[in-house]
Protein backbone atom coordinates (compact mmCIF):
# COMPACT_ATOMS: atom_id res chain seq x y z
CA UNK A 1 31.80 10.69 -37.81
CA UNK A 2 32.06 13.47 -40.36
CA UNK A 3 35.05 15.46 -41.49
CA UNK A 4 35.41 18.26 -44.01
CA UNK A 5 38.75 19.79 -44.81
CA UNK A 6 40.29 21.01 -41.59
CA UNK A 7 37.39 20.10 -39.29
CA UNK A 8 36.57 16.70 -37.80
CA UNK A 9 34.06 15.70 -35.17
CA UNK A 10 32.52 12.67 -33.55
CA UNK A 11 29.96 11.87 -30.85
CA UNK A 12 30.29 9.22 -28.15
CA UNK A 13 26.86 8.39 -26.81
CA UNK A 14 26.39 8.10 -23.03
CA UNK A 15 30.13 8.37 -22.35
CA UNK A 16 31.33 10.01 -19.14
CA UNK A 17 34.99 10.78 -18.49
CA UNK A 18 36.64 12.78 -15.72
CA UNK A 19 37.31 16.36 -16.85
CA UNK A 20 41.02 16.11 -15.99
CA UNK A 21 41.28 12.92 -18.08
CA UNK A 22 39.62 14.68 -21.02
CA UNK A 23 42.00 17.62 -20.69
CA UNK A 24 45.00 15.28 -20.82
CA UNK A 25 43.68 13.43 -23.88
CA UNK A 26 43.11 16.74 -25.68
CA UNK A 27 46.55 18.07 -24.74
CA UNK A 28 48.25 14.93 -26.07
CA UNK A 29 46.36 15.13 -29.38
CA UNK A 30 47.30 18.81 -29.75
CA UNK A 31 50.97 17.82 -29.80
CA UNK A 32 50.52 16.14 -33.20
CA UNK A 33 52.11 18.36 -35.90
CA UNK A 34 49.49 20.24 -37.88
CA UNK A 35 46.79 20.06 -35.21
CA UNK A 36 45.30 23.46 -34.35
CA UNK A 37 42.67 22.64 -31.74
CA UNK A 38 41.20 19.64 -29.93
CA UNK A 39 38.11 19.98 -27.73
CA UNK A 40 36.34 17.29 -25.71
CA UNK A 41 33.17 18.39 -23.89
CA UNK A 42 29.82 17.00 -22.79
CA UNK A 43 26.91 17.47 -25.19
CA UNK A 44 24.95 20.16 -23.36
CA UNK A 45 23.14 22.83 -25.41
CA UNK A 46 25.54 25.48 -24.08
CA UNK A 47 28.60 23.45 -25.11
CA UNK A 48 27.20 22.79 -28.58
CA UNK A 49 26.45 26.48 -29.05
CA UNK A 50 29.98 27.40 -27.98
CA UNK A 51 31.52 24.89 -30.39
CA UNK A 52 29.31 26.08 -33.25
CA UNK A 53 30.22 29.71 -32.54
CA UNK A 54 33.91 28.74 -32.57
CA UNK A 55 33.42 26.89 -35.90
CA UNK A 56 34.39 23.62 -34.22
CA UNK A 57 31.00 21.96 -34.69
CA UNK A 58 28.53 21.88 -37.61
CA UNK A 59 25.20 23.49 -36.78
CA UNK A 60 23.35 20.63 -38.51
CA UNK A 61 25.08 17.82 -36.58
CA UNK A 62 22.81 15.21 -34.93
CA UNK A 63 21.17 16.12 -31.64
CA UNK A 64 23.08 15.26 -28.48
CA UNK A 65 22.21 14.71 -24.84
CA UNK A 66 24.15 16.16 -21.87
CA UNK A 67 25.63 12.71 -21.16
CA UNK A 68 27.10 12.42 -24.70
CA UNK A 69 30.76 13.27 -25.31
CA UNK A 70 31.54 15.67 -28.19
CA UNK A 71 34.97 15.42 -29.81
CA UNK A 72 36.03 18.22 -32.17
CA UNK A 73 39.36 18.64 -33.98
CA UNK A 74 40.67 21.38 -36.23
CA UNK A 75 43.86 20.68 -38.20
CA UNK A 76 45.91 22.08 -41.05
CA UNK A 77 45.67 18.89 -43.13
CA UNK A 78 43.51 15.79 -43.52
CA UNK A 79 46.41 13.60 -42.34
CA UNK A 80 46.82 15.59 -39.11
CA UNK A 81 43.06 15.52 -38.64
CA UNK A 82 42.87 11.73 -38.96
CA UNK A 83 45.84 11.22 -36.65
CA UNK A 84 44.35 13.48 -33.98
CA UNK A 85 40.94 11.83 -34.07
CA UNK A 86 42.56 8.39 -33.94
CA UNK A 87 44.73 9.49 -31.01
CA UNK A 88 41.70 10.70 -29.07
CA UNK A 89 39.74 7.51 -29.74
CA UNK A 90 42.70 5.30 -28.81
CA UNK A 91 43.34 7.10 -25.54
CA UNK A 92 39.67 7.11 -24.58
CA UNK A 93 39.48 3.36 -25.30
CA UNK A 94 42.69 2.53 -23.41
CA UNK A 95 41.96 0.38 -20.35
CA UNK A 96 42.47 2.16 -17.08
CA UNK A 97 45.04 0.79 -14.67
CA UNK A 98 43.35 -1.58 -12.30
CA UNK A 99 44.13 -4.29 -9.83
CA UNK A 100 42.02 -6.73 -7.86
CA UNK A 101 40.53 -4.79 -5.01
CA UNK A 102 40.25 -6.05 -1.49
CA UNK A 103 36.93 -5.52 0.19
CA UNK A 104 38.25 -2.53 2.13
CA UNK A 105 39.53 -0.92 -1.11
CA UNK A 106 36.09 -0.73 -2.75
CA UNK A 107 35.11 2.93 -2.97
CA UNK A 108 32.04 3.86 -0.93
CA UNK A 109 28.99 4.74 -3.01
CA UNK A 110 27.51 7.40 -0.71
CA UNK A 111 28.64 10.29 1.47
CA UNK A 112 27.31 8.44 4.51
CA UNK A 113 29.38 5.38 3.62
CA UNK A 114 32.48 7.49 3.09
CA UNK A 115 31.91 9.26 6.41
CA UNK A 116 31.58 5.95 8.22
CA UNK A 117 34.83 4.65 6.74
CA UNK A 118 36.78 7.92 7.13
CA UNK A 119 36.48 8.01 10.90
CA UNK A 120 37.94 11.35 12.01
CA UNK A 121 37.28 13.20 8.73
CA UNK A 122 35.06 16.26 9.19
CA UNK A 123 34.83 17.76 5.68
CA UNK A 124 33.37 16.58 2.37
CA UNK A 125 34.66 17.87 -0.98
CA UNK A 126 31.91 17.68 -3.61
CA UNK A 127 32.52 18.16 -7.34
CA UNK A 128 29.64 16.53 -9.22
CA UNK A 129 27.00 18.10 -11.51
CA UNK A 130 24.72 20.60 -9.78
CA UNK A 131 21.52 18.56 -9.21
CA UNK A 132 23.53 15.68 -7.68
CA UNK A 133 25.76 18.09 -5.76
CA UNK A 134 22.79 19.40 -3.77
CA UNK A 135 21.81 15.88 -2.71
CA UNK A 136 25.38 14.99 -1.75
CA UNK A 137 25.83 18.25 0.18
CA UNK A 138 22.68 17.58 2.23
CA UNK A 139 23.93 14.04 2.91
CA UNK A 140 27.27 15.46 4.06
CA UNK A 141 25.56 17.85 6.46
CA UNK A 142 23.43 15.00 7.80
CA UNK A 143 26.65 13.06 8.40
CA UNK A 144 28.08 15.97 10.41
CA UNK A 145 30.53 17.12 7.74
CA UNK A 146 31.51 20.60 6.68
CA UNK A 147 31.11 21.01 2.90
CA UNK A 148 33.47 22.30 0.22
CA UNK A 149 31.13 22.54 -2.78
CA UNK A 150 33.16 22.98 -5.98
CA UNK A 151 30.20 22.25 -8.28
CA UNK A 152 28.37 24.87 -10.33
CA UNK A 153 24.82 24.60 -11.60
CA UNK A 154 23.33 24.83 -8.08
CA UNK A 155 20.27 27.06 -7.87
CA UNK A 156 20.23 30.11 -5.63
CA UNK A 157 17.38 28.64 -3.59
CA UNK A 158 19.33 25.42 -3.00
CA UNK A 159 22.41 27.41 -2.00
CA UNK A 160 20.45 29.37 0.59
CA UNK A 161 18.85 26.21 1.96
CA UNK A 162 22.20 24.43 2.27
CA UNK A 163 23.92 27.34 3.98
CA UNK A 164 21.13 27.99 6.45
CA UNK A 165 20.92 24.31 7.31
CA UNK A 166 24.69 24.14 7.74
CA UNK A 167 24.64 27.15 10.06
CA UNK A 168 21.90 25.56 12.18
CA UNK A 169 24.03 22.42 12.51
CA UNK A 170 27.18 24.37 13.36
CA UNK A 171 28.71 23.41 10.00
CA UNK A 172 29.99 25.59 7.16
CA UNK A 173 29.10 25.27 3.47
CA UNK A 174 31.86 26.66 1.25
CA UNK A 175 30.24 27.13 -2.14
CA UNK A 176 28.70 26.34 -4.56
CA UNK A 177 31.25 27.32 -7.19
CA UNK A 178 33.86 27.49 -4.45
CA UNK A 179 37.17 27.36 -6.28
CA UNK A 180 39.64 27.63 -3.41
CA UNK A 181 40.04 27.15 0.32
CA UNK A 182 42.97 26.42 2.62
CA UNK A 183 42.08 24.78 5.94
CA UNK A 184 44.80 24.00 8.48
CA UNK A 185 47.37 24.24 5.71
CA UNK A 186 45.51 21.82 3.42
CA UNK A 187 44.52 23.26 0.04
CA UNK A 188 41.11 22.49 -1.43
CA UNK A 189 40.25 23.03 -5.09
CA UNK A 190 42.60 25.38 -6.98
CA UNK A 191 44.70 26.24 -3.93
CA UNK A 192 48.33 27.29 -4.05
CA UNK A 193 51.10 26.06 -1.78
CA UNK A 194 51.75 28.98 0.52
CA UNK A 195 53.57 29.11 3.84
CA UNK A 196 51.64 28.95 7.08
CA UNK A 197 51.31 32.20 8.98
CA UNK A 198 48.98 34.48 10.87
CA UNK A 199 46.82 35.97 8.07
CA UNK A 200 43.33 34.54 7.63
CA UNK A 201 41.25 35.11 4.50
CA UNK A 202 37.52 34.89 3.80
CA UNK A 203 36.66 35.21 0.14
CA UNK A 204 33.62 35.17 -2.12
CA UNK A 205 36.13 34.65 -4.91
CA UNK A 206 38.38 31.70 -5.72
CA UNK A 207 41.02 33.48 -7.80
CA UNK A 208 40.76 36.49 -5.49
CA UNK A 209 41.83 34.23 -2.62
CA UNK A 210 44.61 32.79 -4.78
CA UNK A 211 45.89 36.24 -5.71
CA UNK A 212 45.90 37.48 -2.10
CA UNK A 213 47.42 34.35 -0.58
CA UNK A 214 50.20 34.03 -3.19
CA UNK A 215 51.06 37.74 -2.92
CA UNK A 216 51.14 37.42 0.88
CA UNK A 217 53.56 34.53 0.37
CA UNK A 218 55.67 36.55 -2.08
CA UNK A 219 55.80 39.44 0.40
CA UNK A 220 57.08 37.20 3.18
CA UNK A 221 53.83 36.59 5.08
CA UNK A 222 51.86 33.41 5.65
CA UNK A 223 48.29 32.10 5.74
CA UNK A 224 46.51 30.54 8.72
CA UNK A 225 43.30 29.63 6.85
CA UNK A 226 41.55 30.80 3.69
CA UNK A 227 37.82 30.15 3.67
CA UNK A 228 36.11 30.26 0.29
CA UNK A 229 32.40 31.03 0.32
CA UNK A 230 31.27 30.78 -3.30
CA UNK A 231 30.83 33.80 -5.53
CA UNK A 232 27.19 34.52 -4.61
CA UNK A 233 27.59 34.56 -0.85
CA UNK A 234 27.39 38.36 -0.59
CA UNK A 235 24.33 38.54 -2.86
CA UNK A 236 21.20 39.87 -1.19
CA UNK A 237 19.41 36.52 -1.38
CA UNK A 238 22.21 34.64 0.41
CA UNK A 239 23.04 37.36 2.92
CA UNK A 240 26.70 36.53 3.52
CA UNK A 241 25.94 33.42 5.59
CA UNK A 242 29.27 31.67 4.96
CA UNK A 243 31.29 34.90 5.07
CA UNK A 244 29.91 35.75 8.51
CA UNK A 245 30.56 32.20 9.72
CA UNK A 246 34.10 32.36 8.38
CA UNK A 247 34.74 35.66 10.12
CA UNK A 248 33.49 34.16 13.37
CA UNK A 249 35.81 31.18 13.03
CA UNK A 250 38.85 33.33 12.28
CA UNK A 251 37.97 35.57 15.21
CA UNK A 252 38.20 32.57 17.54
CA UNK A 253 41.33 31.10 15.93
CA UNK A 254 44.42 31.80 18.03
CA UNK A 255 46.69 31.38 15.02
CA UNK A 256 44.99 34.19 13.07
CA UNK A 257 46.14 37.73 13.89
CA UNK A 258 44.99 39.59 10.76
CA UNK A 259 41.87 39.00 8.65
CA UNK A 260 41.35 39.75 4.94
CA UNK A 261 37.94 39.82 3.23
CA UNK A 262 37.74 39.49 -0.55
CA UNK A 263 34.67 39.65 -2.79
CA UNK A 264 33.48 40.33 -6.28
CA UNK A 265 30.77 43.03 -6.56
CA UNK A 266 28.20 42.38 -3.85
CA UNK A 267 24.94 43.61 -2.36
CA UNK A 268 25.53 46.95 -0.66
CA UNK A 269 23.45 45.98 2.40
CA UNK A 270 25.18 42.61 2.80
CA UNK A 271 28.61 44.21 2.36
CA UNK A 272 27.72 46.75 5.07
CA UNK A 273 26.80 43.93 7.48
CA UNK A 274 29.95 41.96 6.70
CA UNK A 275 32.24 44.97 7.19
CA UNK A 276 30.48 45.89 10.44
CA UNK A 277 30.98 42.33 11.70
CA UNK A 278 34.67 42.43 10.76
CA UNK A 279 35.14 45.72 12.60
CA UNK A 280 33.63 44.22 15.77
CA UNK A 281 36.03 41.26 15.88
CA UNK A 282 38.83 43.22 17.49
CA UNK A 283 41.55 41.88 15.18
CA UNK A 284 43.14 44.03 12.44
CA UNK A 285 41.15 43.52 9.25
CA UNK A 286 41.46 44.49 5.59
CA UNK A 287 38.63 44.34 3.05
CA UNK A 288 38.77 44.36 -0.74
CA UNK A 289 35.19 44.36 -2.01
CA UNK A 290 35.35 45.32 -5.68
CA UNK A 291 33.02 48.23 -6.39
CA UNK A 292 32.10 48.91 -2.75
CA UNK A 293 31.47 52.62 -2.07
CA UNK A 294 29.69 52.55 1.28
CA UNK A 295 30.60 53.85 4.72
CA UNK A 296 33.77 52.28 6.12
CA UNK A 297 33.50 51.24 9.79
CA UNK A 298 36.09 52.55 12.23
CA UNK A 299 39.01 50.22 12.72
CA UNK A 300 38.71 48.53 9.31
CA UNK A 301 41.00 49.13 6.34
CA UNK A 302 39.26 49.04 2.96
CA UNK A 303 41.37 48.86 -0.22
CA UNK A 304 40.54 48.79 -3.91
CA UNK A 305 42.89 46.10 -5.28
CA UNK A 306 43.88 42.59 -4.30
CA UNK A 307 47.53 43.62 -4.26
CA UNK A 308 46.79 46.38 -1.75
CA UNK A 309 44.95 43.85 0.42
CA UNK A 310 47.97 41.55 0.53
CA UNK A 311 50.40 44.38 1.26
CA UNK A 312 48.16 45.82 4.01
CA UNK A 313 47.68 42.41 5.63
CA UNK A 314 51.42 41.72 5.79
CA UNK A 315 52.02 45.22 7.17
CA UNK A 316 49.41 44.68 9.89
CA UNK A 317 51.35 41.63 11.11
CA UNK A 318 54.22 44.00 11.93
CA UNK A 319 56.34 43.35 8.84
CA UNK A 320 57.42 46.02 6.36
CA UNK A 321 56.66 44.66 2.87
CA UNK A 322 58.12 46.47 -0.07
CA UNK A 323 56.07 47.21 -3.15
CA UNK A 324 56.10 44.92 -6.16
CA UNK A 325 58.21 45.95 -9.13
CA UNK A 326 56.68 47.06 -12.42
CA UNK A 327 58.24 45.89 -15.70
CA UNK A 328 60.01 48.28 -18.05
CA UNK A 329 57.99 48.45 -21.25
CA UNK A 330 58.51 49.70 -24.77
CA UNK A 331 55.77 50.06 -27.34
CA UNK A 332 55.29 50.85 -30.99
CA UNK A 333 52.94 53.38 -32.49
CA UNK A 334 50.29 50.83 -33.46
CA UNK A 335 47.04 51.92 -31.83
CA UNK A 336 44.22 49.69 -30.70
CA UNK A 337 42.27 48.33 -27.77
CA UNK A 338 42.93 45.96 -24.88
CA UNK A 339 41.46 42.47 -24.87
CA UNK A 340 41.44 40.83 -21.45
CA UNK A 341 41.00 37.04 -21.57
CA UNK A 342 40.80 35.66 -18.03
CA UNK A 343 40.28 32.32 -16.31
CA UNK A 344 39.53 34.02 -12.97
CA UNK A 345 36.38 36.10 -12.53
CA UNK A 346 37.63 38.42 -9.80
CA UNK A 347 40.91 39.01 -11.62
CA UNK A 348 38.91 39.83 -14.76
CA UNK A 349 36.64 42.23 -12.87
CA UNK A 350 39.56 43.95 -11.14
CA UNK A 351 41.40 44.43 -14.44
CA UNK A 352 38.27 45.74 -16.15
CA UNK A 353 37.79 48.34 -13.42
CA UNK A 354 41.44 49.41 -13.59
CA UNK A 355 41.51 49.70 -17.39
CA UNK A 356 38.02 51.07 -17.92
CA UNK A 357 35.34 50.16 -20.41
CA UNK A 358 34.82 51.87 -23.73
CA UNK A 359 36.83 50.33 -26.54
CA UNK A 360 38.32 47.59 -24.34
CA UNK A 361 36.85 44.09 -23.93
CA UNK A 362 37.15 41.61 -21.05
CA UNK A 363 35.99 37.99 -20.94
CA UNK A 364 35.86 35.67 -17.90
CA UNK A 365 36.17 32.10 -19.19
CA UNK A 366 35.53 30.84 -15.67
CA UNK A 367 31.93 32.10 -15.83
CA UNK A 368 29.24 29.43 -15.71
CA UNK A 369 28.26 29.98 -19.34
CA UNK A 370 31.72 28.71 -20.35
CA UNK A 371 32.14 25.96 -17.73
CA UNK A 372 28.76 24.21 -17.86
CA UNK A 373 29.50 20.69 -19.07
CA UNK A 374 33.21 21.27 -19.63
CA UNK A 375 36.35 21.57 -17.43
CA UNK A 376 37.16 24.91 -15.82
CA UNK A 377 39.68 26.88 -17.94
CA UNK A 378 42.21 26.64 -15.11
CA UNK A 379 42.19 22.89 -15.91
CA UNK A 380 41.58 23.03 -19.66
CA UNK A 381 42.50 26.39 -21.27
CA UNK A 382 41.67 25.36 -24.84
CA UNK A 383 38.63 27.63 -25.18
CA UNK A 384 40.71 30.64 -24.16
CA UNK A 385 43.48 29.56 -26.54
CA UNK A 386 41.01 29.78 -29.41
CA UNK A 387 39.91 33.23 -28.23
CA UNK A 388 43.54 34.44 -28.15
CA UNK A 389 44.06 33.51 -31.80
CA UNK A 390 40.74 35.13 -32.69
CA UNK A 391 41.76 38.32 -30.86
CA UNK A 392 44.99 38.42 -32.85
CA UNK A 393 42.93 38.50 -36.02
CA UNK A 394 40.86 41.41 -34.72
CA UNK A 395 42.33 44.55 -36.24
CA UNK A 396 41.23 46.62 -33.24
CA UNK A 397 43.29 44.76 -30.61
CA UNK A 398 46.81 45.94 -29.78
CA UNK A 399 47.24 44.42 -26.29
CA UNK A 400 46.11 41.09 -24.86
CA UNK A 401 46.19 40.76 -21.07
CA UNK A 402 45.95 37.34 -19.41
CA UNK A 403 46.04 35.55 -16.07
CA UNK A 404 47.83 32.22 -15.64
CA UNK A 405 46.73 30.25 -12.58
CA UNK A 406 48.94 27.67 -10.88
CA UNK A 407 48.27 25.34 -7.98
CA UNK A 408 46.97 21.90 -7.16
CA UNK A 409 44.29 20.67 -9.59
CA UNK A 410 45.32 23.30 -12.18
CA UNK A 411 46.78 22.53 -15.63
CA UNK A 412 50.20 20.86 -15.15
CA UNK A 413 51.97 23.33 -17.45
CA UNK A 414 49.71 26.27 -18.37
CA UNK A 415 52.53 28.50 -19.68
CA UNK A 416 53.93 25.66 -21.78
CA UNK A 417 50.51 25.10 -23.35
CA UNK A 418 49.99 28.84 -23.82
CA UNK A 419 53.37 29.70 -25.37
CA UNK A 420 52.81 28.28 -28.91
CA UNK A 421 49.36 29.86 -29.01
CA UNK A 422 50.88 33.27 -28.26
CA UNK A 423 53.59 32.78 -30.88
CA UNK A 424 50.89 31.96 -33.44
CA UNK A 425 48.79 34.97 -32.37
CA UNK A 426 51.65 37.45 -32.64
CA UNK A 427 52.70 36.01 -36.00
CA UNK A 428 49.17 36.49 -37.34
CA UNK A 429 49.18 40.10 -36.17
CA UNK A 430 52.61 40.67 -37.75
CA UNK A 431 51.45 39.32 -41.11
CA UNK A 432 48.53 41.75 -40.90
CA UNK A 433 50.99 44.64 -40.44
CA UNK A 434 50.22 45.17 -36.74
CA UNK A 435 52.16 44.73 -33.52
CA UNK A 436 50.52 42.83 -30.66
CA UNK A 437 51.70 43.10 -27.07
CA UNK A 438 50.88 40.36 -24.55
CA UNK A 439 50.84 41.11 -20.82
CA UNK A 440 50.35 38.38 -18.22
CA UNK A 441 50.32 37.77 -14.50
CA UNK A 442 51.07 34.32 -13.10
CA UNK A 443 49.23 33.52 -9.87
CA UNK A 444 51.28 31.04 -7.88
CA UNK A 445 54.38 30.25 -5.87
CA UNK A 446 57.57 28.28 -6.49
CA UNK A 447 56.14 25.65 -4.17
CA UNK A 448 53.31 24.91 -6.61
CA UNK A 449 53.67 21.80 -8.82
CA UNK A 450 54.11 24.02 -11.90
CA UNK A 451 56.66 26.35 -10.17
CA UNK A 452 56.13 30.10 -10.49
CA UNK A 453 59.61 30.89 -11.82
CA UNK A 454 59.45 28.18 -14.48
CA UNK A 455 56.07 29.42 -15.71
CA UNK A 456 57.10 33.08 -15.79
CA UNK A 457 60.31 32.28 -17.70
CA UNK A 458 58.40 30.22 -20.27
CA UNK A 459 56.21 33.23 -20.99
CA UNK A 460 59.12 35.68 -21.14
CA UNK A 461 60.82 33.46 -23.74
CA UNK A 462 57.95 34.10 -26.17
CA UNK A 463 57.94 37.86 -25.59
CA UNK A 464 55.28 38.17 -22.89
CA UNK A 465 55.51 41.09 -20.45
CA UNK A 466 55.20 39.28 -17.11
CA UNK A 467 53.90 41.27 -14.13
CA UNK A 468 54.04 40.59 -10.40
CA UNK A 469 50.33 41.22 -9.72
CA UNK A 470 47.05 41.46 -11.53
CA UNK A 471 46.91 45.18 -10.75
CA UNK A 472 50.31 45.76 -12.34
CA UNK A 473 49.35 43.70 -15.40
CA UNK A 474 46.16 45.68 -15.97
CA UNK A 475 47.86 49.04 -15.57
CA UNK A 476 50.77 47.96 -17.78
CA UNK A 477 48.33 46.97 -20.53
CA UNK A 478 46.57 50.31 -20.14
CA UNK A 479 49.89 52.20 -20.32
CA UNK A 480 50.85 50.39 -23.54
CA UNK A 481 47.48 51.08 -25.16
CA UNK A 482 47.51 54.73 -24.13
CA UNK A 483 51.08 55.21 -25.38
CA UNK A 484 50.10 53.77 -28.72
CA UNK A 485 47.09 56.03 -28.99
CA UNK A 486 49.29 59.01 -28.10
CA UNK A 487 51.81 57.91 -30.71
């Protein structure tokens, strides 16, 4: 171990821990007074480079392998630094709760074994590193299981092979990098707890599905199923295999009356085929394909924002949803740019399109370059926290816009973890003689473990402008920035 001033680091060789367990250890160490940042990640080249760029790791540190655990701490004093490092080591060394296991309690070692024991189960959820995920997914298909593939790091060729094989077997492969699905009311991945209803969703976007389903819930509607496809499904090489399967399933589902399609920017030809297929189903359908500018088939409603998709879907069920309220804002004359720091890729892309490029900057911390070898920022937001403080020190930034994602598998209290970071960021800006506005949208419901109202109130208490949708948040940030430029 080496430590210099406010930086300490250590390497654990060949040490694997569950990403959620690492997030909890880091969160507990951050509660120590004087601790600024704690990061625990696997020793991949990408993770090392990220830590070095964030000044959380010395460039001349010993070489590491992907199976090594990197522990980095930044603190205001040597005492806080030592306490934090000791806390991390102690919690990692703590014995896990265990009890003598009966023969039937021993976890199966293979998908085939799990399938044999599960009996009526018909779906496998896979969240292991990419090369192993491909093997497990093929085993699941061989065992007659549908696949929810959360893992990233799967090659495009492997994705195509898995999806085509699944289709031949009459099975669906949701993923890779599938963040969210809801099947028969059961949430998979980062799903939110929404009421059951008659609106079905197919999405090449995890947070896009979350935004639509939670807004449908907020507007009084409900979800029959939400089928995630993985973000590359509408790429030319994949051809929309899972999206087209999902549309076919929703077409045959008696409980689905309205269908919503959501996607990040896609292949124009694939998008055309998907929209044509949706128009042929005979059920009312709404599509939100960010950036799509092709010919819209007759009988299909195409919208430009996720909020519009949710409103249109609820309306097509026969309800009369009212629009979502915009916050009343005030701003000072301090000019500057918008910095969008997102954990959801589709939310980031939608906000970027609404605000425009130019002087503004948007970062998706859910992109593979930030998640390879470390927990997704919806689970562990520490990397974004560091970026927020950095943005506050950037003299060009006057507005920070954020998403906060709730749901099963997400951080247990994202707003609570975010609040002190925002207080620190705004204080830094104030000391530099600037004002810094923070705008946020919380994706979730009051049925989620974190509770939407609790999370929104925690942000309001530290001066955040909380908005009811991602669209409203982006436009509110733009309005503040433009008012300051005009001032």
